[in-house]
Each structure stands twice: as structure tokens, then as C-alpha cells.
Protein backbone atom coordinates (compact mmCIF):
# COMPACT_ATOMS: atom_id res chain seq x y z
CA UNK A 1 -17.92 1.19 20.16
CA UNK A 2 -15.28 3.22 22.00
CA UNK A 3 -11.63 3.13 21.05
CA UNK A 4 -8.89 5.12 19.38
CA UNK A 5 -10.77 5.13 16.06
CA UNK A 6 -14.22 6.00 17.46
CA UNK A 7 -16.01 8.40 15.11
CA UNK A 8 -13.71 7.52 12.21
CA UNK A 9 -14.50 5.63 8.99
CA UNK A 10 -12.04 3.15 7.50
CA UNK A 11 -12.30 1.81 3.95
CA UNK A 12 -10.75 -1.66 3.89
CA UNK A 13 -10.12 -3.25 0.50
CA UNK A 14 -10.00 -7.02 0.21
CA UNK A 15 -12.10 -7.17 3.37
CA UNK A 16 -13.88 -10.42 2.49
CA UNK A 17 -11.08 -12.72 3.61
CA UNK A 18 -7.56 -13.06 4.92
CA UNK A 19 -5.58 -10.02 5.96
CA UNK A 20 -8.25 -7.57 4.79
CA UNK A 21 -10.90 -9.22 6.96
CA UNK A 22 -8.54 -9.29 9.95
CA UNK A 23 -7.70 -5.61 9.50
CA UNK A 24 -11.40 -4.72 9.27
CA UNK A 25 -12.22 -6.66 12.45
CA UNK A 26 -9.31 -4.98 14.29
CA UNK A 27 -10.28 -1.48 13.15
CA UNK A 28 -13.92 -2.08 14.11
CA UNK A 29 -12.83 -3.37 17.54
CA UNK A 30 -10.89 -0.10 17.90
CA UNK A 31 -14.08 1.87 17.23
CA UNK A 32 -13.97 2.59 13.49
CA UNK A 33 -16.97 2.25 11.22
CA UNK A 34 -15.57 -0.01 8.49
CA UNK A 35 -16.55 0.12 4.83
CA UNK A 36 -15.80 -3.40 3.61
CA UNK A 37 -14.76 -3.25 -0.05
CA UNK A 38 -14.22 -6.33 -2.16
CA UNK A 39 -15.46 -8.44 -5.06
CA UNK A 40 -17.37 -11.13 -3.13
CA UNK A 41 -20.51 -9.73 -1.47
CA UNK A 42 -21.34 -12.89 0.49
CA UNK A 43 -17.89 -12.98 2.09
CA UNK A 44 -18.08 -9.26 2.87
CA UNK A 45 -21.48 -9.85 4.49
CA UNK A 46 -19.99 -12.60 6.67
CA UNK A 47 -17.27 -10.25 7.91
CA UNK A 48 -19.87 -7.50 8.52
CA UNK A 49 -21.90 -9.95 10.60
CA UNK A 50 -18.81 -10.88 12.64
CA UNK A 51 -18.10 -7.20 13.27
CA UNK A 52 -21.71 -6.51 14.28
CA UNK A 53 -21.74 -9.54 16.60
CA UNK A 54 -18.69 -8.07 18.36
CA UNK A 55 -20.47 -4.72 18.77
CA UNK A 56 -18.89 -2.89 15.83
CA UNK A 57 -20.24 -1.20 12.70
CA UNK A 58 -19.57 -2.16 9.09
CA UNK A 59 -21.01 -1.40 5.67
CA UNK A 60 -20.58 -3.71 2.67
CA UNK A 61 -19.40 -2.11 -0.59
CA UNK A 62 -19.09 -4.78 -3.28
CA UNK A 63 -16.65 -3.43 -5.85
CA UNK A 64 -13.48 -4.30 -7.72
CA UNK A 65 -10.90 -1.65 -6.82
CA UNK A 66 -8.67 -2.77 -9.68
CA UNK A 67 -11.35 -1.66 -12.16
CA UNK A 68 -12.47 1.96 -11.63
CA UNK A 69 -15.22 1.55 -14.24
CA UNK A 70 -16.82 -0.89 -11.76
CA UNK A 71 -16.82 1.72 -8.98
CA UNK A 72 -20.54 1.25 -8.22
CA UNK A 73 -21.05 4.90 -7.34
CA UNK A 74 -17.98 5.70 -5.22
CA UNK A 75 -17.89 9.49 -4.91
CA UNK A 76 -15.39 11.07 -7.31
CA UNK A 77 -12.15 11.79 -5.47
CA UNK A 78 -12.89 9.11 -2.87
CA UNK A 79 -11.96 6.00 -4.83
CA UNK A 80 -10.33 3.56 -2.38
CA UNK A 81 -6.77 2.61 -3.15
CA UNK A 82 -5.01 -0.59 -2.25
CA UNK A 83 -2.62 -0.06 0.65
CA UNK A 84 0.83 -1.58 0.80
CA UNK A 85 2.00 -3.44 3.88
CA UNK A 86 4.55 -1.65 6.00
CA UNK A 87 6.93 -3.22 8.49
CA UNK A 88 7.96 -1.18 11.51
């Protein structure tokens, strides 16, 4: 998919529902390959399917970012952090 984020990878935490899912869909529509991180694999898979149906790319990474011991093999130094919302 072409767009301003083409060739980029975005790790989106909480991507299984709500704001996280919406952010993942928007980033994928803008060309990013999205890594969907969250605790509920089936919900992450649903979002990945929605992204794929729209022509985007997504990878599911079931994990609990609040518990580093449950990192499921995230490369050291690349542990995703929860982002804070910013108003412009």
C-alpha cells in the first residue's frame, strides 16, 4: 500500500479494540506494516483481517505490554511502550 508510511513498521499496543484498533487501521491505510500488540489474540486477528481486506499489512503479536516477563520473544531493546495521547 502506498502512503506517507509506506516501508515503515508501526507497533500498535492495545490494537485489538477501540482507539488502538482505529490507530492501526489508519496507519495501515497510510502504508505502514502494523504489528498489532495486545492481550486478546482473536481480537487482534479480527483487526488484522480488516487491515488485509483493505489492502494493508498487519502482523499479530499477542503479548501483555504491562508485563515484560510475558514478552513472548520481543527483541531486547525493542520492547513496545504504551504511548500517551497528545492533543495538538
